[in-house]
């Protein structure tokens, strides 16, 4: 078995991250979304450079290849890339607001190997260390079962309307261990 390493993402990783995101969206949403919804989801998902700049976004690397990415945020934006509507870079209040899990993607050939859980646990620990008591995310339908296994609870289901057709998402939350 190959060894994976988790590290902070850098600007030099952006192209690899974009390729990984597109591949994960195109292949891992099959069976959960229609072809039109998969294409439309690209308008609402993607790379948010602010996460890299904030030092809250991670890459999982195996043999020099990025096989997973994701992280957390101390900012109000719940989901989406640089191009997505409704972004809010306001810093969250650790005493009264939840940190965000953001932009979790695993290479389709590397699912079920613990990569997502490694990123999630690393992000949760970092958010807790910064003083957040809870964390939330906008989960895809494909990701929802995984996040439920990791202790997240669905609070609401809704639709992203950034693309040409609505794409279902779920707001999920979890209390962080301190």
C-alpha atoms as a PDB file:
ATOM      1  CA  UNK A   1       0.000   0.000   0.000  1.00  0.00           C
ATOM      2  CA  UNK A   2       1.254   3.473  -0.908  1.00  0.00           C
ATOM      3  CA  UNK A   3       1.774   6.026   1.818  1.00  0.00           C
ATOM      4  CA  UNK A   4      -0.136   9.277   1.627  1.00  0.00           C
ATOM      5  CA  UNK A   5       0.926  12.609   3.030  1.00  0.00           C
ATOM      6  CA  UNK A   6      -1.353  15.487   3.999  1.00  0.00           C
ATOM      7  CA  UNK A   7       0.001  19.014   3.733  1.00  0.00           C
ATOM      8  CA  UNK A   8      -1.209  22.571   3.289  1.00  0.00           C
ATOM      9  CA  UNK A   9      -2.123  23.410  -0.298  1.00  0.00           C
ATOM     10  CA  UNK A  10      -0.077  26.074  -2.093  1.00  0.00           C
ATOM     11  CA  UNK A  11      -0.637  28.213  -5.164  1.00  0.00           C
ATOM     12  CA  UNK A  12       1.506  25.700  -7.078  1.00  0.00           C
ATOM     13  CA  UNK A  13      -1.175  23.055  -6.405  1.00  0.00           C
ATOM     14  CA  UNK A  14      -4.037  25.018  -8.008  1.00  0.00           C
ATOM     15  CA  UNK A  15      -3.934  23.344 -11.444  1.00  0.00           C
ATOM     16  CA  UNK A  16      -3.771  19.853  -9.910  1.00  0.00           C
ATOM     17  CA  UNK A  17      -6.643  20.743  -7.550  1.00  0.00           C
ATOM     18  CA  UNK A  18      -8.826  22.003 -10.424  1.00  0.00           C
ATOM     19  CA  UNK A  19      -8.228  18.812 -12.439  1.00  0.00           C
ATOM     20  CA  UNK A  20      -9.032  16.671  -9.383  1.00  0.00           C
ATOM     21  CA  UNK A  21     -12.208  18.654  -8.640  1.00  0.00           C
ATOM     22  CA  UNK A  22     -13.522  18.326 -12.200  1.00  0.00           C
ATOM     23  CA  UNK A  23     -12.784  14.602 -12.281  1.00  0.00           C
ATOM     24  CA  UNK A  24     -14.446  14.015  -8.902  1.00  0.00           C
ATOM     25  CA  UNK A  25     -17.530  16.049  -9.872  1.00  0.00           C
ATOM     26  CA  UNK A  26     -17.870  14.255 -13.210  1.00  0.00           C
ATOM     27  CA  UNK A  27     -17.391  10.707 -11.897  1.00  0.00           C
ATOM     28  CA  UNK A  28     -18.445  10.617  -8.242  1.00  0.00           C
ATOM     29  CA  UNK A  29     -21.793  12.407  -8.683  1.00  0.00           C
ATOM     30  CA  UNK A  30     -22.998   9.798 -11.226  1.00  0.00           C
ATOM     31  CA  UNK A  31     -25.954   7.949  -9.733  1.00  0.00           C
ATOM     32  CA  UNK A  32     -26.794  10.895  -7.456  1.00  0.00           C
ATOM     33  CA  UNK A  33     -27.320  13.651 -10.024  1.00  0.00           C
ATOM     34  CA  UNK A  34     -28.497  13.812 -13.624  1.00  0.00           C
ATOM     35  CA  UNK A  35     -25.948  14.612 -16.353  1.00  0.00           C
ATOM     36  CA  UNK A  36     -27.398  18.161 -16.481  1.00  0.00           C
ATOM     37  CA  UNK A  37     -27.040  18.569 -12.702  1.00  0.00           C
ATOM     38  CA  UNK A  38     -23.453  17.284 -12.790  1.00  0.00           C
ATOM     39  CA  UNK A  39     -22.565  19.899 -15.417  1.00  0.00           C
ATOM     40  CA  UNK A  40     -24.502  22.615 -13.542  1.00  0.00           C
ATOM     41  CA  UNK A  41     -22.782  21.751 -10.257  1.00  0.00           C
ATOM     42  CA  UNK A  42     -19.501  23.037 -11.698  1.00  0.00           C
ATOM     43  CA  UNK A  43     -20.968  26.558 -11.500  1.00  0.00           C
ATOM     44  CA  UNK A  44     -21.469  26.230  -7.744  1.00  0.00           C
ATOM     45  CA  UNK A  45     -18.421  24.140  -6.855  1.00  0.00           C
ATOM     46  CA  UNK A  46     -14.729  24.682  -7.329  1.00  0.00           C
ATOM     47  CA  UNK A  47     -11.547  26.180  -6.003  1.00  0.00           C
ATOM     48  CA  UNK A  48     -11.709  29.100  -3.568  1.00  0.00           C
ATOM     49  CA  UNK A  49      -8.200  30.593  -3.535  1.00  0.00           C
ATOM     50  CA  UNK A  50      -8.947  32.310  -0.219  1.00  0.00           C
ATOM     51  CA  UNK A  51      -8.774  28.893   1.494  1.00  0.00           C
ATOM     52  CA  UNK A  52      -5.212  28.415   0.236  1.00  0.00           C
ATOM     53  CA  UNK A  53      -4.276  31.981   1.206  1.00  0.00           C
ATOM     54  CA  UNK A  54      -5.761  31.442   4.701  1.00  0.00           C
ATOM     55  CA  UNK A  55      -3.749  28.239   5.187  1.00  0.00           C
ATOM     56  CA  UNK A  56      -6.885  26.146   5.812  1.00  0.00           C
ATOM     57  CA  UNK A  57      -6.860  23.975   2.676  1.00  0.00           C
ATOM     58  CA  UNK A  58      -5.053  20.662   2.379  1.00  0.00           C
ATOM     59  CA  UNK A  59      -3.790  18.316  -0.309  1.00  0.00           C
ATOM     60  CA  UNK A  60      -3.361  14.605   0.175  1.00  0.00           C
ATOM     61  CA  UNK A  61      -0.467  13.431  -1.969  1.00  0.00           C
ATOM     62  CA  UNK A  62       0.496   9.885  -2.942  1.00  0.00           C
ATOM     63  CA  UNK A  63       3.675   9.285  -4.947  1.00  0.00           C
ATOM     64  CA  UNK A  64       3.796  12.991  -5.840  1.00  0.00           C
ATOM     65  CA  UNK A  65       0.190  13.079  -7.129  1.00  0.00           C
ATOM     66  CA  UNK A  66      -2.657  15.011  -5.490  1.00  0.00           C
ATOM     67  CA  UNK A  67      -5.303  12.341  -4.757  1.00  0.00           C
ATOM     68  CA  UNK A  68      -7.476  14.366  -2.387  1.00  0.00           C
ATOM     69  CA  UNK A  69      -8.104  17.934  -1.308  1.00  0.00           C
ATOM     70  CA  UNK A  70     -10.319  19.780   1.110  1.00  0.00           C
ATOM     71  CA  UNK A  71     -10.254  21.902   4.183  1.00  0.00           C
ATOM     72  CA  UNK A  72     -12.059  24.272   6.442  1.00  0.00           C
ATOM     73  CA  UNK A  73     -12.702  27.980   6.685  1.00  0.00           C
ATOM     74  CA  UNK A  74     -13.029  30.670   9.292  1.00  0.00           C
ATOM     75  CA  UNK A  75     -14.973  32.772   6.743  1.00  0.00           C
ATOM     76  CA  UNK A  76     -18.723  33.076   6.151  1.00  0.00           C
ATOM     77  CA  UNK A  77     -18.806  31.581   2.631  1.00  0.00           C
ATOM     78  CA  UNK A  78     -20.404  28.128   2.977  1.00  0.00           C
ATOM     79  CA  UNK A  79     -19.390  26.684  -0.398  1.00  0.00           C
ATOM     80  CA  UNK A  80     -18.310  27.491  -3.930  1.00  0.00           C
ATOM     81  CA  UNK A  81     -15.326  28.558  -5.942  1.00  0.00           C
ATOM     82  CA  UNK A  82     -13.931  31.953  -6.905  1.00  0.00           C
ATOM     83  CA  UNK A  83     -16.511  32.125  -9.721  1.00  0.00           C
ATOM     84  CA  UNK A  84     -19.582  31.242  -7.597  1.00  0.00           C
ATOM     85  CA  UNK A  85     -22.254  33.753  -6.593  1.00  0.00           C
ATOM     86  CA  UNK A  86     -23.014  34.591  -2.959  1.00  0.00           C
ATOM     87  CA  UNK A  87     -19.519  34.615  -1.512  1.00  0.00           C
ATOM     88  CA  UNK A  88     -18.875  36.347   1.818  1.00  0.00           C
ATOM     89  CA  UNK A  89     -15.243  36.671   3.034  1.00  0.00           C
ATOM     90  CA  UNK A  90     -16.304  37.981   6.476  1.00  0.00           C
ATOM     91  CA  UNK A  91     -14.437  36.310   9.350  1.00  0.00           C
ATOM     92  CA  UNK A  92     -16.674  34.177  11.562  1.00  0.00           C
ATOM     93  CA  UNK A  93     -17.050  34.721  15.323  1.00  0.00           C
ATOM     94  CA  UNK A  94     -15.638  31.623  17.053  1.00  0.00           C
ATOM     95  CA  UNK A  95     -17.927  32.218  20.055  1.00  0.00           C
ATOM     96  CA  UNK A  96     -21.219  32.243  18.158  1.00  0.00           C
ATOM     97  CA  UNK A  97     -20.702  30.852  14.637  1.00  0.00           C
ATOM     98  CA  UNK A  98     -19.658  27.581  13.072  1.00  0.00           C
ATOM     99  CA  UNK A  99     -16.496  27.009  11.067  1.00  0.00           C
ATOM    100  CA  UNK A 100     -17.035  25.613   7.556  1.00  0.00           C
ATOM    101  CA  UNK A 101     -15.853  22.409   5.920  1.00  0.00           C
ATOM    102  CA  UNK A 102     -15.021  23.378   2.340  1.00  0.00           C
ATOM    103  CA  UNK A 103     -14.321  21.834  -1.051  1.00  0.00           C
ATOM    104  CA  UNK A 104     -13.747  18.174  -0.195  1.00  0.00           C
ATOM    105  CA  UNK A 105     -12.729  16.087  -3.217  1.00  0.00           C
ATOM    106  CA  UNK A 106     -11.148  12.659  -3.611  1.00  0.00           C
ATOM    107  CA  UNK A 107      -9.789  11.274  -6.867  1.00  0.00           C
ATOM    108  CA  UNK A 108     -12.312   8.680  -8.120  1.00  0.00           C
ATOM    109  CA  UNK A 109      -9.602   6.000  -8.242  1.00  0.00           C
ATOM    110  CA  UNK A 110      -8.728   6.659  -4.575  1.00  0.00           C
ATOM    111  CA  UNK A 111     -12.092   6.565  -2.795  1.00  0.00           C
ATOM    112  CA  UNK A 112     -12.637   4.300   0.228  1.00  0.00           C
ATOM    113  CA  UNK A 113      -8.972   4.580   1.266  1.00  0.00           C
ATOM    114  CA  UNK A 114      -9.402   6.995   4.192  1.00  0.00           C
ATOM    115  CA  UNK A 115      -8.389  10.117   2.257  1.00  0.00           C
ATOM    116  CA  UNK A 116     -11.635  12.005   2.913  1.00  0.00           C
ATOM    117  CA  UNK A 117     -11.607  11.056   6.580  1.00  0.00           C
ATOM    118  CA  UNK A 118      -7.952  12.185   6.899  1.00  0.00           C
ATOM    119  CA  UNK A 119      -8.804  15.598   5.447  1.00  0.00           C
ATOM    120  CA  UNK A 120     -11.978  15.914   7.536  1.00  0.00           C
ATOM    121  CA  UNK A 121     -10.251  15.019  10.802  1.00  0.00           C
ATOM    122  CA  UNK A 122      -7.335  17.358  10.049  1.00  0.00           C
ATOM    123  CA  UNK A 123      -9.729  20.217   9.247  1.00  0.00           C
ATOM    124  CA  UNK A 124     -11.920  19.580  12.303  1.00  0.00           C
ATOM    125  CA  UNK A 125      -8.890  19.542  14.609  1.00  0.00           C
ATOM    126  CA  UNK A 126      -7.592  22.818  13.143  1.00  0.00           C
ATOM    127  CA  UNK A 127     -10.997  24.519  13.517  1.00  0.00           C
ATOM    128  CA  UNK A 128     -11.331  23.281  17.118  1.00  0.00           C
ATOM    129  CA  UNK A 129      -7.801  24.494  17.918  1.00  0.00           C
ATOM    130  CA  UNK A 130      -8.801  27.923  16.634  1.00  0.00           C
ATOM    131  CA  UNK A 131     -11.717  27.953  19.094  1.00  0.00           C
ATOM    132  CA  UNK A 132     -14.733  26.812  17.063  1.00  0.00           C
ATOM    133  CA  UNK A 133     -17.197  24.542  18.907  1.00  0.00           C
ATOM    134  CA  UNK A 134     -19.143  23.491  15.804  1.00  0.00           C
ATOM    135  CA  UNK A 135     -18.584  23.075  12.100  1.00  0.00           C
ATOM    136  CA  UNK A 136     -20.926  22.915   9.101  1.00  0.00           C
ATOM    137  CA  UNK A 137     -20.851  22.293   5.374  1.00  0.00           C
ATOM    138  CA  UNK A 138     -22.859  22.219   2.183  1.00  0.00           C
ATOM    139  CA  UNK A 139     -22.697  18.526   1.243  1.00  0.00           C
ATOM    140  CA  UNK A 140     -23.393  16.978  -2.129  1.00  0.00           C
ATOM    141  CA  UNK A 141     -25.831  14.087  -2.310  1.00  0.00           C
ATOM    142  CA  UNK A 142     -22.879  11.796  -3.118  1.00  0.00           C
ATOM    143  CA  UNK A 143     -20.988  13.010  -0.039  1.00  0.00           C
ATOM    144  CA  UNK A 144     -23.908  12.971   2.393  1.00  0.00           C
ATOM    145  CA  UNK A 145     -23.633   9.260   3.421  1.00  0.00           C
ATOM    146  CA  UNK A 146     -19.890   9.655   4.108  1.00  0.00           C
ATOM    147  CA  UNK A 147     -20.406  12.757   6.257  1.00  0.00           C
ATOM    148  CA  UNK A 148     -23.198  11.031   8.201  1.00  0.00           C
ATOM    149  CA  UNK A 149     -20.759   8.190   8.985  1.00  0.00           C
ATOM    150  CA  UNK A 150     -18.347  10.876  10.265  1.00  0.00           C
ATOM    151  CA  UNK A 151     -20.915  12.245  12.725  1.00  0.00           C
ATOM    152  CA  UNK A 152     -22.499  15.058  10.706  1.00  0.00           C
ATOM    153  CA  UNK A 153     -26.258  15.614  10.877  1.00  0.00           C
ATOM    154  CA  UNK A 154     -28.420  16.954   8.043  1.00  0.00           C
ATOM    155  CA  UNK A 155     -30.066  20.225   9.090  1.00  0.00           C
ATOM    156  CA  UNK A 156     -31.658  21.126   5.757  1.00  0.00           C
ATOM    157  CA  UNK A 157     -31.730  20.177   2.107  1.00  0.00           C
ATOM    158  CA  UNK A 158     -31.867  22.861  -0.564  1.00  0.00           C
ATOM    159  CA  UNK A 159     -30.771  23.604  -4.124  1.00  0.00           C
ATOM    160  CA  UNK A 160     -27.827  25.501  -5.535  1.00  0.00           C
ATOM    161  CA  UNK A 161     -29.010  27.650  -8.440  1.00  0.00           C
ATOM    162  CA  UNK A 162     -25.653  28.913  -9.759  1.00  0.00           C
ATOM    163  CA  UNK A 163     -25.853  26.619 -12.809  1.00  0.00           C
ATOM    164  CA  UNK A 164     -28.355  26.013 -15.604  1.00  0.00           C
ATOM    165  CA  UNK A 165     -30.438  23.589 -13.492  1.00  0.00           C
ATOM    166  CA  UNK A 166     -30.849  23.348  -9.693  1.00  0.00           C
ATOM    167  CA  UNK A 167     -28.440  21.010  -7.865  1.00  0.00           C
ATOM    168  CA  UNK A 168     -29.480  19.470  -4.514  1.00  0.00           C
ATOM    169  CA  UNK A 169     -27.231  20.072  -1.490  1.00  0.00           C
ATOM    170  CA  UNK A 170     -27.555  19.504   2.246  1.00  0.00           C
ATOM    171  CA  UNK A 171     -26.431  21.681   5.131  1.00  0.00           C
ATOM    172  CA  UNK A 172     -24.788  19.327   7.615  1.00  0.00           C
ATOM    173  CA  UNK A 173     -23.290  20.146  11.010  1.00  0.00           C
ATOM    174  CA  UNK A 174     -21.274  18.578  13.803  1.00  0.00           C
ATOM    175  CA  UNK A 175     -20.119  19.506  17.288  1.00  0.00           C
ATOM    176  CA  UNK A 176     -16.308  19.520  17.460  1.00  0.00           C
ATOM    177  CA  UNK A 177     -14.318  17.602  20.076  1.00  0.00           C
ATOM    178  CA  UNK A 178     -12.351  19.945  22.294  1.00  0.00           C
END
